[in-house]
Protein backbone atom coordinates (compact mmCIF):
# COMPACT_ATOMS: atom_id res chain seq x y z
CA MET A 1 77.70 16.72 31.09
CA ASN A 2 79.85 18.20 28.64
CA PHE A 3 80.48 16.33 25.12
CA ASN A 4 83.53 18.32 23.80
CA SER A 5 86.34 15.47 23.21
CA LYS A 6 84.01 12.89 25.11
CA THR A 7 83.78 9.30 23.36
CA ILE A 8 80.51 8.33 22.82
CA ILE A 9 79.68 4.80 21.32
CA ILE A 10 76.04 4.41 19.57
CA THR A 11 74.46 1.36 18.50
CA GLY A 12 72.11 1.45 15.77
CA ALA A 13 73.67 4.89 14.30
CA SER A 14 73.16 4.19 10.71
CA GLN A 15 69.66 5.53 10.59
CA GLY A 16 66.73 7.38 12.60
CA ILE A 17 67.62 8.25 16.24
CA GLY A 18 71.07 7.07 16.33
CA LYS A 19 71.91 8.93 13.31
CA ALA A 20 70.06 12.44 14.39
CA ILE A 21 71.97 11.88 18.12
CA ALA A 22 75.34 11.00 16.23
CA ILE A 23 75.15 14.40 14.22
CA LYS A 24 73.74 16.65 17.06
CA LEU A 25 76.87 15.26 19.35
CA ALA A 26 79.45 15.59 16.32
CA ALA A 27 78.64 19.83 16.22
CA GLN A 28 79.58 19.85 20.20
CA LYS A 29 83.14 18.14 19.36
CA ALA A 30 82.78 14.39 20.49
CA ASN A 31 84.32 11.55 19.65
CA LEU A 32 82.05 9.30 18.01
CA VAL A 33 82.04 5.42 17.62
CA LEU A 34 79.25 4.64 15.27
CA THR A 35 78.00 0.78 14.86
CA ALA A 36 75.51 -0.54 13.03
CA ARG A 37 75.53 -3.62 10.59
CA ASN A 38 75.05 -1.35 7.16
CA ARG A 39 78.65 -0.08 6.32
CA SER A 40 77.74 2.31 3.52
CA ASN A 41 75.07 3.56 5.85
CA LEU A 42 77.61 4.27 8.48
CA GLU A 43 80.32 5.95 6.38
CA THR A 44 77.79 8.03 5.12
CA VAL A 45 76.97 9.31 8.68
CA ALA A 46 80.40 9.38 10.00
CA GLN A 47 81.11 11.74 7.00
CA GLU A 48 78.12 13.99 8.12
CA CYS A 49 79.72 13.84 11.43
CA ILE A 50 83.01 15.18 10.70
CA GLN A 51 81.35 17.80 8.75
CA ALA A 52 79.58 19.05 11.70
CA GLY A 53 82.86 19.20 13.65
CA GLY A 54 83.37 15.93 15.46
CA LYS A 55 85.29 13.17 15.31
CA ALA A 56 83.92 9.66 14.10
CA ILE A 57 84.77 6.50 13.52
CA ILE A 58 83.04 3.12 12.32
CA VAL A 59 82.84 -0.32 13.52
CA PRO A 60 80.00 -2.63 11.68
CA THR A 61 78.38 -4.52 14.53
CA ASP A 62 75.69 -7.04 14.73
CA ILE A 63 75.02 -6.60 18.01
CA THR A 64 73.48 -10.07 18.87
CA ASN A 65 77.20 -11.55 18.51
CA PRO A 66 79.06 -10.92 21.80
CA GLU A 67 82.24 -10.96 20.45
CA ALA A 68 81.43 -8.46 17.66
CA CYS A 69 80.22 -6.06 20.52
CA GLN A 70 83.67 -6.49 22.25
CA LYS A 71 85.33 -5.57 19.35
CA ALA A 72 83.37 -2.36 18.86
CA ILE A 73 84.43 -1.44 22.20
CA SER A 74 87.95 -2.54 21.53
CA ALA A 75 88.47 -0.45 18.82
CA SER A 76 86.77 2.83 20.87
CA ILE A 77 89.27 2.21 23.27
CA ASN A 78 92.05 1.87 20.61
CA THR A 79 91.13 5.00 18.56
CA PHE A 80 90.23 7.34 21.62
CA GLY A 81 91.57 5.90 24.76
CA ALA A 82 88.36 6.24 26.69
CA ILE A 83 84.78 5.78 26.88
CA ASP A 84 82.58 8.30 28.31
CA CYS A 85 79.16 7.35 26.89
CA LEU A 86 77.47 4.23 25.68
CA ILE A 87 74.10 4.95 23.84
CA ASN A 88 72.41 1.37 22.96
CA ASN A 89 69.96 2.69 20.54
CA ALA A 90 69.71 -0.32 18.27
CA GLY A 91 66.53 -2.05 17.89
CA ILE A 92 63.90 -3.80 15.46
CA THR A 93 60.24 -4.11 15.90
CA MET A 94 57.12 -6.15 15.03
CA TRP A 95 53.57 -5.76 13.78
CA THR A 96 51.19 -8.85 14.20
CA LYS A 97 49.09 -10.37 16.47
CA PHE A 98 50.25 -12.86 18.69
CA ASP A 99 47.92 -15.54 17.61
CA ASP A 100 48.53 -14.90 13.80
CA ILE A 101 52.66 -15.72 14.33
CA GLN A 102 53.78 -18.50 12.49
CA ASP A 103 57.31 -18.32 13.21
CA LEU A 104 58.31 -18.00 17.02
CA SER A 105 61.83 -17.00 16.27
CA LEU A 106 60.29 -13.41 15.95
CA PHE A 107 60.96 -13.55 19.49
CA GLU A 108 64.34 -14.67 19.62
CA LYS A 109 65.53 -11.94 17.13
CA ILE A 110 63.57 -9.26 19.00
CA ILE A 111 64.91 -10.37 22.22
CA GLN A 112 68.33 -10.62 20.93
CA VAL A 113 68.60 -6.96 19.61
CA ASN A 114 66.58 -5.03 21.73
CA TYR A 115 67.77 -6.97 24.98
CA LEU A 116 70.82 -8.58 25.22
CA GLY A 117 72.43 -6.31 22.61
CA SER A 118 72.50 -3.73 25.33
CA VAL A 119 73.26 -6.21 27.49
CA TYR A 120 76.85 -7.47 25.82
CA CYS A 121 77.64 -3.75 24.83
CA THR A 122 76.96 -2.68 28.34
CA HIS A 123 79.09 -5.59 29.77
CA TYR A 124 81.83 -4.87 27.62
CA ALA A 125 81.77 -0.97 28.29
CA LEU A 126 81.57 -0.95 31.94
CA PRO A 127 85.08 -1.38 33.35
CA TYR A 128 85.93 1.78 31.17
CA LEU A 129 82.78 3.78 31.88
CA LYS A 130 83.39 3.27 35.52
CA LYS A 131 87.21 4.79 35.04
CA SER A 132 85.59 8.11 33.18
CA GLY A 133 82.57 8.02 35.65
CA GLY A 134 80.78 7.95 32.48
CA LEU A 135 77.11 7.86 31.23
CA LEU A 136 74.81 4.61 30.08
CA VAL A 137 72.00 4.85 27.88
CA GLY A 138 69.28 2.88 27.08
CA ILE A 139 66.60 3.97 24.00
CA SER A 140 63.71 1.88 25.63
CA SER A 141 60.01 2.67 24.60
CA LEU A 142 56.75 3.37 25.88
CA THR A 143 55.65 -0.22 25.04
CA GLY A 144 58.39 -0.80 27.70
CA LYS A 145 56.11 0.95 30.27
CA THR A 146 52.82 -0.78 29.00
CA GLY A 147 51.60 -3.57 27.00
CA VAL A 148 50.56 -2.61 23.14
CA PRO A 149 48.57 -4.81 20.99
CA THR A 150 50.48 -6.60 18.00
CA ARG A 151 53.79 -6.05 19.93
CA THR A 152 53.69 -8.45 22.22
CA GLY A 153 57.48 -9.45 21.81
CA TYR A 154 58.67 -5.78 21.18
CA ALA A 155 57.10 -5.01 24.45
CA ALA A 156 58.52 -8.05 26.41
CA SER A 157 61.95 -6.92 24.99
CA LYS A 158 61.63 -3.40 26.30
CA HIS A 159 60.32 -4.45 29.59
CA ALA A 160 63.21 -6.62 29.88
CA LEU A 161 65.50 -3.71 28.78
CA GLN A 162 63.62 -1.20 31.23
CA GLY A 163 64.45 -3.83 34.12
CA PHE A 164 67.76 -4.40 33.39
CA PHE A 165 69.14 -0.75 33.19
CA ASP A 166 66.82 -0.06 36.33
CA SER A 167 68.67 -2.83 38.17
CA LEU A 168 71.82 -1.75 37.21
CA ARG A 169 71.62 1.76 38.05
CA ILE A 170 71.28 0.59 41.63
CA GLU A 171 74.11 -2.02 41.63
CA LEU A 172 76.22 1.41 40.19
CA LYS A 173 75.36 3.62 42.74
CA GLY A 174 78.81 5.12 44.32
CA THR A 175 80.86 4.35 41.48
CA GLY A 176 80.40 7.59 39.50
CA VAL A 177 78.07 5.91 36.38
CA ASP A 178 74.56 7.31 35.75
CA VAL A 179 72.06 5.16 33.76
CA LEU A 180 69.64 6.88 31.69
CA VAL A 181 66.43 5.16 30.42
CA VAL A 182 64.67 6.95 27.39
CA SER A 183 60.88 6.26 26.73
CA PRO A 184 60.08 7.27 23.28
CA GLY A 185 56.41 7.04 21.82
CA PHE A 186 55.90 7.12 18.46
CA VAL A 187 58.76 8.70 16.22
CA ALA A 188 59.21 9.05 12.75
CA THR A 189 61.73 7.13 11.55
CA ASP A 190 62.41 3.87 9.12
CA ILE A 191 61.78 1.26 11.79
CA ARG A 192 58.63 0.47 10.62
CA ASN A 193 60.19 -0.53 7.03
CA LEU A 194 61.84 -3.19 9.09
CA ALA A 195 59.21 -4.62 11.50
CA LEU A 196 58.71 -8.58 11.59
CA GLY A 197 55.52 -9.89 10.75
CA ALA A 198 53.84 -13.39 11.17
CA THR A 199 56.42 -15.37 9.41
CA ALA A 200 59.10 -13.29 11.22
CA SER A 201 60.16 -11.73 7.99
CA PRO A 202 60.22 -7.74 7.45
CA ILE A 203 56.99 -6.27 6.74
CA LYS A 204 55.68 -2.35 5.83
CA ALA A 205 54.29 -0.43 8.52
CA SER A 206 53.52 2.95 8.44
CA LEU A 207 51.84 5.39 10.10
CA GLY A 208 48.10 6.13 9.92
CA LYS A 209 48.40 9.69 10.79
CA GLN A 210 52.02 10.36 10.52
CA GLN A 211 51.09 14.26 12.17
CA THR A 212 50.81 11.98 15.14
CA ALA A 213 54.84 11.10 15.29
CA MET A 214 57.63 12.89 16.75
CA SER A 215 60.46 13.80 14.75
CA VAL A 216 63.53 12.23 14.94
CA ASN A 217 65.23 15.62 15.47
CA VAL A 218 63.21 16.82 18.39
CA CYS A 219 63.54 13.00 19.94
CA ALA A 220 67.24 13.48 19.42
CA ASP A 221 67.36 16.82 21.23
CA LEU A 222 65.51 15.72 23.79
CA ILE A 223 67.71 12.57 24.55
CA ILE A 224 70.86 14.75 24.42
CA LYS A 225 69.09 17.37 26.89
CA ALA A 226 68.76 14.55 29.52
CA MET A 227 72.23 13.04 28.78
CA THR A 228 73.49 16.74 29.56
CA LYS A 229 71.60 16.71 33.12
CA ARG A 230 72.36 12.78 33.36
CA LYS A 231 68.86 11.89 34.34
CA ARG A 232 67.94 8.91 35.56
CA GLU A 233 64.53 8.71 33.04
CA LEU A 234 63.43 10.41 30.10
CA VAL A 235 59.55 9.63 29.08
CA MET A 236 58.34 11.50 26.08
CA THR A 237 55.30 13.30 25.67
CA PHE A 238 52.79 14.70 28.08
CA LYS A 239 50.48 11.51 27.09
CA GLY A 240 53.27 8.97 27.96
CA LYS A 241 53.57 10.81 31.24
CA LEU A 242 49.83 10.77 31.84
CA GLY A 243 49.71 7.44 30.63
CA LEU A 244 52.01 6.24 33.32
CA TRP A 245 49.77 7.80 35.83
CA LEU A 246 46.56 6.32 34.52
CA LYS A 247 47.93 2.45 34.32
CA LEU A 248 48.01 2.92 37.97
CA LEU A 249 44.58 4.34 38.81
CA VAL A 250 42.67 3.07 35.57
CA PRO A 251 44.53 0.49 33.98
CA SER A 252 41.60 -0.53 31.53
CA LEU A 253 41.44 2.76 30.32
CA VAL A 254 45.28 2.73 29.27
CA ASP A 255 44.44 -0.80 27.52
CA ALA A 256 41.63 1.07 25.23
CA ILE A 257 44.24 3.85 24.33
CA ALA A 258 46.71 1.74 23.46
CA ALA A 259 44.29 -0.51 21.32
CA LYS A 260 43.10 2.75 19.63
CA ALA A 261 46.71 4.04 18.61
CA VAL A 262 47.74 0.89 17.05
CA SER A 263 44.32 0.70 15.31
CA SER A 264 45.45 3.81 13.19
CA HIS A 265 48.42 1.91 11.49
CA ARG A 266 48.50 -0.01 8.46
CA VAL A 267 50.96 -3.05 7.45
CA ARG A 268 51.32 -4.52 4.29
CA GLU A 269 53.46 -7.36 3.37
């Protein structure tokens, strides 16, 4: 897939992985539609994309609102006339054990952003992706492959995302639309600064061993490489791939590894 003059929508483009992907695609002369809730951050990213050589518009969007998602798709068509790729990247995380949760709306918030937001955007973009023979990308997580303590709601949302796109891929066979599901591990982004805690309010969660996190630029490079090849799945890191095999052979060992990985992290209200 060549991204020159291709129209690409990126949700959650105001920071982290979404921002990095946007700037790198701009360097390949892509037409970018940047969505997120933070207008100020989006404007900054758009300027960086334009400076990198691409075209960019911003559409401040709350992807938990279906009408807002439809508006973002319409803005893409009105500005660039087509949609070649939709990158469903927006997401939030959590950091609390299930039996410590005091406000169950935490689960609704995570499902709305991590799963339903992708469903809404995909629904409205799909007719145009069929016309262009385009690409759907879902940014999931290794947590969408296996359970992780303190992430019950997050893991559930990513499992749902994985199931949705895997099913949709089969339905779209023969239409020219490809579906890529990306499963990163720990990536050094600011998402933990917005992690939801026991009261469904943001807490601070930081990596105990920051060096174990993949850099956002490396993560973005791997995603774009997979997009170029129109792969169906990208599981990042050797440990992530090994874990999938171990889950089939020795599932209790994978549970222990997941518990150990989370124990090296800290949270604070």
